[in-house]
Amino acid sequence: MRDPDGGCPWGVEQTFATILPHTIEEAYEVADAIDNNDMAALKDELGDLLFQVVFYAQMAKEAGDFDFAAVVEAISEKMVRRHPHVFGDETIQDAEAQTHAWEELKRRERADIGENPSESALDGVIPALPALTRAFKLQKRAARVGFDWKTAAPIAGKVREELAEVEAEIGEGDEERLKPALPR
C-alpha cells in the first residue's frame, strides 16, 4: 500500500494526521457493531481498525521510529506489567479492586518516567475525547474522590465549600495554587 512504485496512490500520500480521522471513524464503527450486537459487522470493523494500527506502524517504520512487532511487544509487556494478579503472584478480589490497582500501576509508571504525580483526580482525561464521553470520565474520576451525591441537596454545600477554598487562595495571594484549575 505504501510502496511509491506500484502501491496505492492514496496510501502513499497518507500521514499520521491524515489517517487520524479514519481511525476515529473505525473505532466508532466497532462501537456501533457492538451496540447492535452485529458480530459479522464487528468482525469486519475490527479488521478495519487493525488495518489502521498496521498502517500507522508501517509509516513509523518508514520514518525509522518503530514497527508493528514493537507495537505488539509494547502492549504485551504492558499487559503483563499491569496484570500481576494474572502473570504474577498478586491477588485481586474483584473488578473494583482491579480498577484501583490499575490506576495505581499507571500512576507509578508515570512517576517512573519523570511525569509529575497527578495532583488532580481529573488529570489524564484527554481533551480529545468526544464531549459526552469526556464528561462521563471526568464525573467517574470526581466520584472516586467524593464528588458524587445520590441527591441534589448536599451539592450546594459542596459548591460553597469549594468556592470558599478558592476565595481563601485568592485572599492569600497564592494564585500559583489555582493555576491547574485555570484554562490553559
N, C-alpha and C. Protein backbone atom coordinates (compact mmCIF):
# COMPACT_ATOMS: atom_id res chain seq x y z
N MET A 1 0.81 -1.20 0.00
CA MET A 1 0.00 0.00 0.00
C MET A 1 0.86 1.27 0.00
N ARG A 2 2.01 1.22 0.65
CA ARG A 2 2.82 2.43 0.80
C ARG A 2 3.99 2.48 -0.17
N ASP A 3 4.16 1.48 -1.00
CA ASP A 3 5.28 1.44 -1.94
C ASP A 3 5.10 2.54 -2.98
N PRO A 4 6.06 3.46 -3.06
CA PRO A 4 5.94 4.55 -4.04
C PRO A 4 5.90 4.04 -5.48
N ASP A 5 6.45 2.85 -5.72
CA ASP A 5 6.44 2.25 -7.06
C ASP A 5 5.43 1.11 -7.10
N GLY A 6 4.20 1.43 -7.40
CA GLY A 6 3.20 0.39 -7.55
C GLY A 6 2.24 0.26 -6.38
N GLY A 7 2.42 1.04 -5.34
CA GLY A 7 1.49 1.00 -4.21
C GLY A 7 0.23 1.78 -4.51
N CYS A 8 -0.59 1.91 -3.56
CA CYS A 8 -1.84 2.67 -3.70
C CYS A 8 -1.52 4.17 -3.65
N PRO A 9 -1.87 4.93 -4.67
CA PRO A 9 -1.56 6.37 -4.66
C PRO A 9 -2.10 7.08 -3.42
N TRP A 10 -3.32 6.72 -3.01
CA TRP A 10 -3.89 7.32 -1.81
C TRP A 10 -3.06 6.93 -0.59
N GLY A 11 -2.73 5.66 -0.46
CA GLY A 11 -1.97 5.17 0.68
C GLY A 11 -0.60 5.81 0.81
N VAL A 12 0.04 6.03 -0.32
CA VAL A 12 1.38 6.63 -0.32
C VAL A 12 1.34 8.06 0.21
N GLU A 13 0.25 8.77 -0.07
CA GLU A 13 0.14 10.18 0.33
C GLU A 13 -0.20 10.37 1.81
N GLN A 14 -0.63 9.33 2.49
CA GLN A 14 -1.15 9.49 3.85
C GLN A 14 -0.04 9.76 4.87
N THR A 15 -0.45 10.47 5.91
CA THR A 15 0.41 10.78 7.06
C THR A 15 -0.35 10.38 8.32
N PHE A 16 0.31 10.45 9.47
CA PHE A 16 -0.39 10.16 10.72
C PHE A 16 -1.61 11.06 10.86
N ALA A 17 -1.45 12.34 10.54
CA ALA A 17 -2.54 13.30 10.71
C ALA A 17 -3.70 13.03 9.75
N THR A 18 -3.40 12.62 8.52
CA THR A 18 -4.50 12.40 7.56
C THR A 18 -5.25 11.10 7.84
N ILE A 19 -4.59 10.15 8.46
CA ILE A 19 -5.23 8.87 8.79
C ILE A 19 -6.07 8.98 10.07
N LEU A 20 -5.70 9.90 10.96
CA LEU A 20 -6.37 10.01 12.25
C LEU A 20 -7.90 10.04 12.17
N PRO A 21 -8.51 10.87 11.33
CA PRO A 21 -9.99 10.87 11.29
C PRO A 21 -10.56 9.50 10.90
N HIS A 22 -9.86 8.76 10.05
CA HIS A 22 -10.32 7.44 9.64
C HIS A 22 -10.26 6.47 10.82
N THR A 23 -9.23 6.61 11.64
CA THR A 23 -9.07 5.74 12.81
C THR A 23 -10.22 5.97 13.79
N ILE A 24 -10.53 7.22 14.04
CA ILE A 24 -11.63 7.55 14.94
C ILE A 24 -12.95 7.00 14.39
N GLU A 25 -13.16 7.17 13.10
CA GLU A 25 -14.38 6.65 12.47
C GLU A 25 -14.45 5.13 12.61
N GLU A 26 -13.33 4.45 12.38
CA GLU A 26 -13.33 2.99 12.51
C GLU A 26 -13.65 2.56 13.93
N ALA A 27 -13.12 3.27 14.92
CA ALA A 27 -13.41 2.93 16.31
C ALA A 27 -14.90 3.08 16.60
N TYR A 28 -15.51 4.12 16.06
CA TYR A 28 -16.96 4.30 16.24
C TYR A 28 -17.75 3.22 15.52
N GLU A 29 -17.25 2.76 14.39
CA GLU A 29 -17.93 1.68 13.68
C GLU A 29 -17.84 0.38 14.47
N VAL A 30 -16.73 0.15 15.16
CA VAL A 30 -16.62 -1.01 16.06
C VAL A 30 -17.67 -0.88 17.16
N ALA A 31 -17.75 0.30 17.76
CA ALA A 31 -18.73 0.53 18.83
C ALA A 31 -20.15 0.31 18.33
N ASP A 32 -20.45 0.78 17.12
CA ASP A 32 -21.79 0.61 16.57
C ASP A 32 -22.12 -0.87 16.36
N ALA A 33 -21.17 -1.63 15.86
CA ALA A 33 -21.40 -3.07 15.66
C ALA A 33 -21.67 -3.76 16.99
N ILE A 34 -20.92 -3.35 18.03
CA ILE A 34 -21.15 -3.93 19.36
C ILE A 34 -22.52 -3.52 19.88
N ASP A 35 -22.86 -2.24 19.76
CA ASP A 35 -24.17 -1.76 20.22
C ASP A 35 -25.31 -2.52 19.54
N ASN A 36 -25.11 -2.88 18.29
CA ASN A 36 -26.15 -3.57 17.53
C ASN A 36 -26.02 -5.10 17.61
N ASN A 37 -25.05 -5.56 18.39
CA ASN A 37 -24.81 -7.00 18.53
C ASN A 37 -24.68 -7.68 17.16
N ASP A 38 -23.99 -6.99 16.25
CA ASP A 38 -23.82 -7.48 14.88
C ASP A 38 -22.40 -8.05 14.76
N MET A 39 -22.29 -9.35 15.01
CA MET A 39 -20.98 -9.98 15.04
C MET A 39 -20.30 -10.00 13.67
N ALA A 40 -21.07 -10.12 12.60
CA ALA A 40 -20.47 -10.09 11.26
C ALA A 40 -19.85 -8.71 11.00
N ALA A 41 -20.59 -7.66 11.35
CA ALA A 41 -20.06 -6.31 11.18
C ALA A 41 -18.88 -6.08 12.11
N LEU A 42 -18.98 -6.60 13.34
CA LEU A 42 -17.88 -6.42 14.29
C LEU A 42 -16.59 -7.04 13.75
N LYS A 43 -16.69 -8.23 13.18
CA LYS A 43 -15.51 -8.87 12.60
C LYS A 43 -14.89 -7.96 11.54
N ASP A 44 -15.71 -7.44 10.65
CA ASP A 44 -15.21 -6.56 9.59
C ASP A 44 -14.61 -5.28 10.16
N GLU A 45 -15.31 -4.68 11.11
CA GLU A 45 -14.86 -3.40 11.66
C GLU A 45 -13.58 -3.56 12.48
N LEU A 46 -13.46 -4.67 13.21
CA LEU A 46 -12.20 -4.93 13.93
C LEU A 46 -11.05 -5.08 12.94
N GLY A 47 -11.32 -5.71 11.80
CA GLY A 47 -10.30 -5.81 10.76
C GLY A 47 -9.89 -4.44 10.26
N ASP A 48 -10.89 -3.57 10.05
CA ASP A 48 -10.58 -2.21 9.60
C ASP A 48 -9.76 -1.45 10.64
N LEU A 49 -10.11 -1.64 11.91
CA LEU A 49 -9.37 -0.97 12.98
C LEU A 49 -7.94 -1.51 13.08
N LEU A 50 -7.81 -2.83 12.95
CA LEU A 50 -6.47 -3.43 12.95
C LEU A 50 -5.65 -2.91 11.78
N PHE A 51 -6.29 -2.74 10.62
CA PHE A 51 -5.59 -2.17 9.48
C PHE A 51 -5.02 -0.80 9.82
N GLN A 52 -5.76 0.00 10.56
CA GLN A 52 -5.27 1.32 10.95
C GLN A 52 -3.98 1.18 11.75
N VAL A 53 -3.96 0.25 12.71
CA VAL A 53 -2.77 0.04 13.53
C VAL A 53 -1.60 -0.39 12.65
N VAL A 54 -1.83 -1.31 11.75
CA VAL A 54 -0.77 -1.79 10.86
C VAL A 54 -0.28 -0.64 9.98
N PHE A 55 -1.19 0.18 9.49
CA PHE A 55 -0.83 1.30 8.63
C PHE A 55 0.03 2.32 9.37
N TYR A 56 -0.37 2.65 10.60
CA TYR A 56 0.44 3.58 11.41
C TYR A 56 1.83 2.98 11.66
N ALA A 57 1.87 1.70 11.99
CA ALA A 57 3.16 1.06 12.27
C ALA A 57 4.05 1.07 11.03
N GLN A 58 3.46 0.88 9.87
CA GLN A 58 4.25 0.93 8.63
C GLN A 58 4.82 2.33 8.40
N MET A 59 4.00 3.35 8.62
CA MET A 59 4.51 4.72 8.46
C MET A 59 5.62 5.00 9.46
N ALA A 60 5.47 4.52 10.68
CA ALA A 60 6.50 4.71 11.70
C ALA A 60 7.77 3.96 11.32
N LYS A 61 7.62 2.78 10.77
CA LYS A 61 8.79 2.00 10.32
C LYS A 61 9.53 2.76 9.22
N GLU A 62 8.79 3.31 8.28
CA GLU A 62 9.40 4.09 7.19
C GLU A 62 10.16 5.29 7.73
N ALA A 63 9.67 5.86 8.83
CA ALA A 63 10.33 7.02 9.45
C ALA A 63 11.46 6.60 10.38
N GLY A 64 11.62 5.28 10.59
CA GLY A 64 12.68 4.79 11.47
C GLY A 64 12.34 4.88 12.95
N ASP A 65 11.05 4.97 13.28
CA ASP A 65 10.65 5.12 14.68
C ASP A 65 10.38 3.78 15.37
N PHE A 66 9.54 2.94 14.79
CA PHE A 66 9.22 1.62 15.33
C PHE A 66 8.47 0.85 14.26
N ASP A 67 8.24 -0.44 14.51
CA ASP A 67 7.48 -1.24 13.56
C ASP A 67 6.35 -1.97 14.28
N PHE A 68 5.59 -2.78 13.54
CA PHE A 68 4.45 -3.47 14.11
C PHE A 68 4.87 -4.42 15.23
N ALA A 69 5.99 -5.10 15.05
CA ALA A 69 6.48 -6.01 16.09
C ALA A 69 6.72 -5.26 17.40
N ALA A 70 7.22 -4.04 17.32
CA ALA A 70 7.46 -3.24 18.53
C ALA A 70 6.15 -2.86 19.20
N VAL A 71 5.10 -2.61 18.41
CA VAL A 71 3.79 -2.31 18.97
C VAL A 71 3.26 -3.52 19.73
N VAL A 72 3.39 -4.69 19.13
CA VAL A 72 2.92 -5.92 19.78
C VAL A 72 3.73 -6.18 21.06
N GLU A 73 5.03 -5.99 20.99
CA GLU A 73 5.88 -6.20 22.17
C GLU A 73 5.50 -5.22 23.28
N ALA A 74 5.26 -3.96 22.93
CA ALA A 74 4.93 -2.94 23.94
C ALA A 74 3.61 -3.27 24.64
N ILE A 75 2.58 -3.68 23.88
CA ILE A 75 1.30 -3.97 24.53
C ILE A 75 1.39 -5.26 25.33
N SER A 76 2.17 -6.20 24.87
CA SER A 76 2.35 -7.45 25.63
C SER A 76 3.02 -7.16 26.96
N GLU A 77 4.08 -6.37 26.94
CA GLU A 77 4.77 -6.01 28.18
C GLU A 77 3.85 -5.24 29.12
N LYS A 78 3.06 -4.33 28.57
CA LYS A 78 2.15 -3.53 29.40
C LYS A 78 1.10 -4.42 30.06
N MET A 79 0.53 -5.36 29.32
CA MET A 79 -0.49 -6.23 29.90
C MET A 79 0.09 -7.10 31.02
N VAL A 80 1.30 -7.59 30.84
CA VAL A 80 1.94 -8.39 31.89
C VAL A 80 2.22 -7.51 33.11
N ARG A 81 2.76 -6.31 32.86
CA ARG A 81 3.10 -5.39 33.94
C ARG A 81 1.87 -4.95 34.72
N ARG A 82 0.77 -4.70 34.04
CA ARG A 82 -0.43 -4.19 34.69
C ARG A 82 -1.38 -5.28 35.19
N HIS A 83 -1.00 -6.52 35.01
CA HIS A 83 -1.83 -7.63 35.50
C HIS A 83 -1.00 -8.60 36.33
N PRO A 84 -0.41 -8.11 37.42
CA PRO A 84 0.40 -9.01 38.26
C PRO A 84 -0.44 -10.10 38.92
N HIS A 85 -1.73 -9.91 38.96
CA HIS A 85 -2.63 -10.94 39.51
C HIS A 85 -2.87 -12.06 38.50
N VAL A 86 -2.56 -11.83 37.24
CA VAL A 86 -2.69 -12.85 36.21
C VAL A 86 -1.32 -13.48 35.90
N PHE A 87 -0.31 -12.62 35.76
CA PHE A 87 1.01 -13.08 35.35
C PHE A 87 2.01 -13.14 36.49
N GLY A 88 1.55 -12.90 37.70
CA GLY A 88 2.45 -12.91 38.86
C GLY A 88 1.76 -13.54 40.06
N ASP A 89 2.20 -13.12 41.23
CA ASP A 89 1.72 -13.73 42.47
C ASP A 89 0.66 -12.92 43.20
N GLU A 90 0.31 -11.74 42.70
CA GLU A 90 -0.66 -10.91 43.42
C GLU A 90 -2.08 -11.46 43.28
N THR A 91 -2.91 -11.08 44.23
CA THR A 91 -4.32 -11.49 44.22
C THR A 91 -5.18 -10.24 44.19
N ILE A 92 -6.17 -10.26 43.32
CA ILE A 92 -7.15 -9.18 43.23
C ILE A 92 -8.51 -9.79 43.53
N GLN A 93 -9.25 -9.15 44.42
CA GLN A 93 -10.52 -9.72 44.89
C GLN A 93 -11.66 -9.56 43.88
N ASP A 94 -11.73 -8.39 43.23
CA ASP A 94 -12.86 -8.15 42.33
C ASP A 94 -12.49 -7.08 41.32
N ALA A 95 -13.43 -6.76 40.43
CA ALA A 95 -13.18 -5.80 39.36
C ALA A 95 -12.88 -4.41 39.91
N GLU A 96 -13.55 -4.02 41.00
CA GLU A 96 -13.30 -2.70 41.59
C GLU A 96 -11.87 -2.61 42.12
N ALA A 97 -11.42 -3.66 42.80
CA ALA A 97 -10.04 -3.68 43.29
C ALA A 97 -9.05 -3.65 42.13
N GLN A 98 -9.39 -4.31 41.03
CA GLN A 98 -8.53 -4.31 39.85
C GLN A 98 -8.44 -2.91 39.27
N THR A 99 -9.55 -2.19 39.24
CA THR A 99 -9.54 -0.83 38.71
C THR A 99 -8.62 0.05 39.55
N HIS A 100 -8.70 -0.06 40.87
CA HIS A 100 -7.82 0.73 41.75
C HIS A 100 -6.36 0.34 41.55
N ALA A 101 -6.09 -0.96 41.44
CA ALA A 101 -4.72 -1.43 41.24
C ALA A 101 -4.18 -0.93 39.89
N TRP A 102 -5.01 -0.95 38.86
CA TRP A 102 -4.62 -0.50 37.52
C TRP A 102 -4.24 0.99 37.57
N GLU A 103 -5.07 1.79 38.22
CA GLU A 103 -4.79 3.22 38.31
C GLU A 103 -3.50 3.48 39.09
N GLU A 104 -3.27 2.72 40.14
CA GLU A 104 -2.04 2.88 40.92
C GLU A 104 -0.82 2.48 40.10
N LEU A 105 -0.93 1.40 39.35
CA LEU A 105 0.19 0.99 38.48
C LEU A 105 0.48 2.07 37.44
N LYS A 106 -0.56 2.64 36.84
CA LYS A 106 -0.37 3.70 35.85
C LYS A 106 0.29 4.92 36.49
N ARG A 107 -0.15 5.27 37.71
CA ARG A 107 0.44 6.41 38.42
C ARG A 107 1.93 6.18 38.65
N ARG A 108 2.29 4.98 39.10
CA ARG A 108 3.71 4.67 39.34
C ARG A 108 4.51 4.69 38.04
N GLU A 109 3.92 4.17 36.97
CA GLU A 109 4.61 4.19 35.68
C GLU A 109 4.90 5.62 35.24
N ARG A 110 3.92 6.51 35.41
CA ARG A 110 4.13 7.92 35.04
C ARG A 110 5.23 8.54 35.89
N ALA A 111 5.24 8.23 37.18
CA ALA A 111 6.28 8.76 38.07
C ALA A 111 7.65 8.22 37.67
N ASP A 112 7.71 6.95 37.28
CA ASP A 112 8.98 6.32 36.90
C ASP A 112 9.60 6.97 35.66
N ILE A 113 8.76 7.51 34.78
CA ILE A 113 9.31 8.15 33.58
C ILE A 113 9.45 9.65 33.74
N GLY A 114 9.25 10.12 34.98
CA GLY A 114 9.50 11.52 35.27
C GLY A 114 8.32 12.44 35.14
N GLU A 115 7.14 11.90 34.87
CA GLU A 115 5.96 12.76 34.84
C GLU A 115 5.63 13.15 36.27
N ASN A 116 5.17 14.38 36.44
CA ASN A 116 4.77 14.83 37.77
C ASN A 116 3.60 14.01 38.25
N PRO A 117 3.65 13.59 39.50
CA PRO A 117 2.48 12.86 40.02
C PRO A 117 1.25 13.76 39.96
N SER A 118 0.16 13.18 39.63
CA SER A 118 -1.08 13.93 39.47
C SER A 118 -1.54 14.52 40.79
N GLU A 119 -1.82 15.82 40.76
CA GLU A 119 -2.40 16.46 41.93
C GLU A 119 -3.91 16.47 41.83
N SER A 120 -4.43 16.24 40.66
CA SER A 120 -5.86 16.28 40.44
C SER A 120 -6.36 14.91 40.03
N ALA A 121 -7.49 14.53 40.58
CA ALA A 121 -8.11 13.26 40.19
C ALA A 121 -8.56 13.32 38.73
N LEU A 122 -8.64 14.53 38.18
CA LEU A 122 -9.12 14.69 36.82
C LEU A 122 -8.01 14.66 35.77
N ASP A 123 -6.76 14.69 36.21
CA ASP A 123 -5.65 14.65 35.27
C ASP A 123 -5.67 13.34 34.50
N GLY A 124 -5.27 13.41 33.25
CA GLY A 124 -5.16 12.21 32.45
C GLY A 124 -6.38 11.90 31.60
N VAL A 125 -7.46 12.67 31.77
CA VAL A 125 -8.62 12.51 30.91
C VAL A 125 -8.37 13.40 29.70
N ILE A 126 -8.11 12.78 28.57
CA ILE A 126 -7.65 13.55 27.43
C ILE A 126 -8.73 14.47 26.86
N PRO A 127 -8.33 15.68 26.48
CA PRO A 127 -9.28 16.65 25.94
C PRO A 127 -9.87 16.24 24.59
N ALA A 128 -9.21 15.34 23.85
CA ALA A 128 -9.66 14.98 22.51
C ALA A 128 -10.88 14.07 22.51
N LEU A 129 -11.30 13.57 23.67
CA LEU A 129 -12.48 12.71 23.70
C LEU A 129 -13.72 13.50 23.28
N PRO A 130 -14.72 12.81 22.73
CA PRO A 130 -15.99 13.49 22.48
C PRO A 130 -16.52 14.06 23.80
N ALA A 131 -17.21 15.18 23.73
CA ALA A 131 -17.61 15.92 24.93
C ALA A 131 -18.35 15.07 25.95
N LEU A 132 -19.32 14.28 25.52
CA LEU A 132 -20.09 13.49 26.48
C LEU A 132 -19.25 12.37 27.09
N THR A 133 -18.39 11.77 26.30
CA THR A 133 -17.50 10.73 26.82
C THR A 133 -16.54 11.33 27.83
N ARG A 134 -15.99 12.49 27.50
CA ARG A 134 -15.06 13.15 28.42
C ARG A 134 -15.78 13.55 29.71
N ALA A 135 -16.98 14.08 29.59
CA ALA A 135 -17.75 14.47 30.78
C ALA A 135 -18.02 13.26 31.66
N PHE A 136 -18.36 12.13 31.06
CA PHE A 136 -18.63 10.92 31.83
C PHE A 136 -17.36 10.46 32.57
N LYS A 137 -16.21 10.47 31.86
CA LYS A 137 -14.96 10.05 32.50
C LYS A 137 -14.57 11.01 33.63
N LEU A 138 -14.76 12.30 33.41
CA LEU A 138 -14.45 13.28 34.46
C LEU A 138 -15.34 13.06 35.68
N GLN A 139 -16.63 12.76 35.44
CA GLN A 139 -17.54 12.53 36.56
C GLN A 139 -17.13 11.27 37.33
N LYS A 140 -16.73 10.22 36.62
CA LYS A 140 -16.29 9.00 37.29
C LYS A 140 -15.05 9.26 38.14
N ARG A 141 -14.12 10.05 37.60
CA ARG A 141 -12.91 10.39 38.36
C ARG A 141 -13.26 11.21 39.60
N ALA A 142 -14.16 12.19 39.43
CA ALA A 142 -14.57 13.03 40.56
C ALA A 142 -15.26 12.20 41.63
N ALA A 143 -16.06 11.22 41.21
CA ALA A 143 -16.76 10.37 42.17
C ALA A 143 -15.78 9.59 43.04
N ARG A 144 -14.63 9.24 42.48
CA ARG A 144 -13.63 8.48 43.25
C ARG A 144 -13.10 9.26 44.44
N VAL A 145 -13.17 10.59 44.36
CA VAL A 145 -12.65 11.42 45.46
C VAL A 145 -13.78 12.13 46.20
N GLY A 146 -14.98 11.56 46.13
CA GLY A 146 -16.09 12.06 46.94
C GLY A 146 -17.00 13.07 46.29
N PHE A 147 -16.81 13.38 45.03
CA PHE A 147 -17.69 14.33 44.35
C PHE A 147 -18.79 13.55 43.64
N ASP A 148 -19.64 12.93 44.45
CA ASP A 148 -20.73 12.13 43.90
C ASP A 148 -21.82 12.07 44.96
N TRP A 149 -23.01 12.47 44.60
CA TRP A 149 -24.10 12.52 45.56
C TRP A 149 -25.31 11.80 45.01
N LYS A 150 -26.06 11.19 45.90
CA LYS A 150 -27.28 10.48 45.50
C LYS A 150 -28.47 11.43 45.37
N THR A 151 -28.40 12.58 46.06
CA THR A 151 -29.45 13.59 45.97
C THR A 151 -28.81 14.94 45.70
N ALA A 152 -29.63 15.90 45.30
CA ALA A 152 -29.11 17.22 44.94
C ALA A 152 -28.82 18.10 46.16
N ALA A 153 -29.46 17.85 47.27
CA ALA A 153 -29.36 18.73 48.44
C ALA A 153 -27.92 19.01 48.88
N PRO A 154 -27.04 18.04 49.01
CA PRO A 154 -25.69 18.34 49.52
C PRO A 154 -24.79 19.06 48.51
N ILE A 155 -25.21 19.15 47.28
CA ILE A 155 -24.34 19.73 46.24
C ILE A 155 -24.08 21.21 46.51
N ALA A 156 -25.10 21.97 46.87
CA ALA A 156 -24.92 23.41 47.12
C ALA A 156 -23.89 23.64 48.22
N GLY A 157 -23.95 22.84 49.28
CA GLY A 157 -22.97 22.97 50.36
C GLY A 157 -21.55 22.70 49.87
N LYS A 158 -21.40 21.70 49.02
CA LYS A 158 -20.07 21.38 48.49
C LYS A 158 -19.56 22.50 47.59
N VAL A 159 -20.45 23.08 46.79
CA VAL A 159 -20.06 24.19 45.92
C VAL A 159 -19.60 25.37 46.78
N ARG A 160 -20.34 25.68 47.86
CA ARG A 160 -19.94 26.77 48.76
C ARG A 160 -18.57 26.48 49.39
N GLU A 161 -18.38 25.23 49.81
CA GLU A 161 -17.09 24.85 50.42
C GLU A 161 -15.94 25.04 49.44
N GLU A 162 -16.13 24.60 48.20
CA GLU A 162 -15.07 24.74 47.19
C GLU A 162 -14.83 26.21 46.86
N LEU A 163 -15.89 26.99 46.75
CA LEU A 163 -15.76 28.42 46.48
C LEU A 163 -14.99 29.10 47.61
N ALA A 164 -15.26 28.73 48.85
CA ALA A 164 -14.54 29.29 50.00
C ALA A 164 -13.05 28.98 49.90
N GLU A 165 -12.71 27.78 49.45
CA GLU A 165 -11.30 27.42 49.29
C GLU A 165 -10.63 28.28 48.21
N VAL A 166 -11.32 28.49 47.10
CA VAL A 166 -10.78 29.33 46.03
C VAL A 166 -10.61 30.77 46.54
N GLU A 167 -11.60 31.29 47.22
CA GLU A 167 -11.53 32.66 47.75
C GLU A 167 -10.39 32.78 48.76
N ALA A 168 -10.16 31.76 49.57
CA ALA A 168 -9.05 31.78 50.54
C ALA A 168 -7.71 31.85 49.82
N GLU A 169 -7.56 31.09 48.76
CA GLU A 169 -6.30 31.12 47.99
C GLU A 169 -6.10 32.49 47.35
N ILE A 170 -7.16 33.06 46.82
CA ILE A 170 -7.08 34.39 46.22
C ILE A 170 -6.72 35.40 47.30
N GLY A 171 -7.37 35.30 48.46
CA GLY A 171 -7.13 36.22 49.57
C GLY A 171 -5.70 36.14 50.08
N GLU A 172 -5.11 34.96 50.02
CA GLU A 172 -3.72 34.80 50.47
C GLU A 172 -2.73 35.17 49.37
N GLY A 173 -3.25 35.50 48.20
CA GLY A 173 -2.37 35.88 47.10
C GLY A 173 -1.63 34.69 46.48
N ASP A 174 -2.10 33.47 46.73
CA ASP A 174 -1.43 32.28 46.24
C ASP A 174 -2.12 31.77 44.97
N GLU A 175 -2.07 32.59 43.93
CA GLU A 175 -2.72 32.20 42.69
C GLU A 175 -1.98 31.07 41.98
N GLU A 176 -0.74 30.80 42.36
CA GLU A 176 0.00 29.67 41.78
C GLU A 176 -0.76 28.37 42.02
N ARG A 177 -1.35 28.24 43.21
CA ARG A 177 -2.09 27.02 43.53
C ARG A 177 -3.36 26.90 42.70
N LEU A 178 -3.83 28.02 42.14
CA LEU A 178 -5.04 27.98 41.34
C LEU A 178 -4.75 27.70 39.86
N LYS A 179 -3.51 27.83 39.44
CA LYS A 179 -3.20 27.69 38.03
C LYS A 179 -3.65 26.37 37.43
N PRO A 180 -3.52 25.22 38.11
CA PRO A 180 -4.01 23.99 37.49
C PRO A 180 -5.49 24.02 37.18
N ALA A 181 -6.25 24.84 37.87
CA ALA A 181 -7.70 24.91 37.65
C ALA A 181 -8.05 25.94 36.57
N LEU A 182 -7.11 26.82 36.23
CA LEU A 182 -7.40 27.86 35.26
C LEU A 182 -7.27 27.30 33.84
N PRO A 183 -8.00 27.87 32.88
CA PRO A 183 -7.88 27.41 31.49
C PRO A 183 -6.45 27.57 30.99
N ARG A 184 -6.05 26.62 30.17
CA ARG A 184 -4.67 26.64 29.64
C ARG A 184 -4.63 27.17 28.25
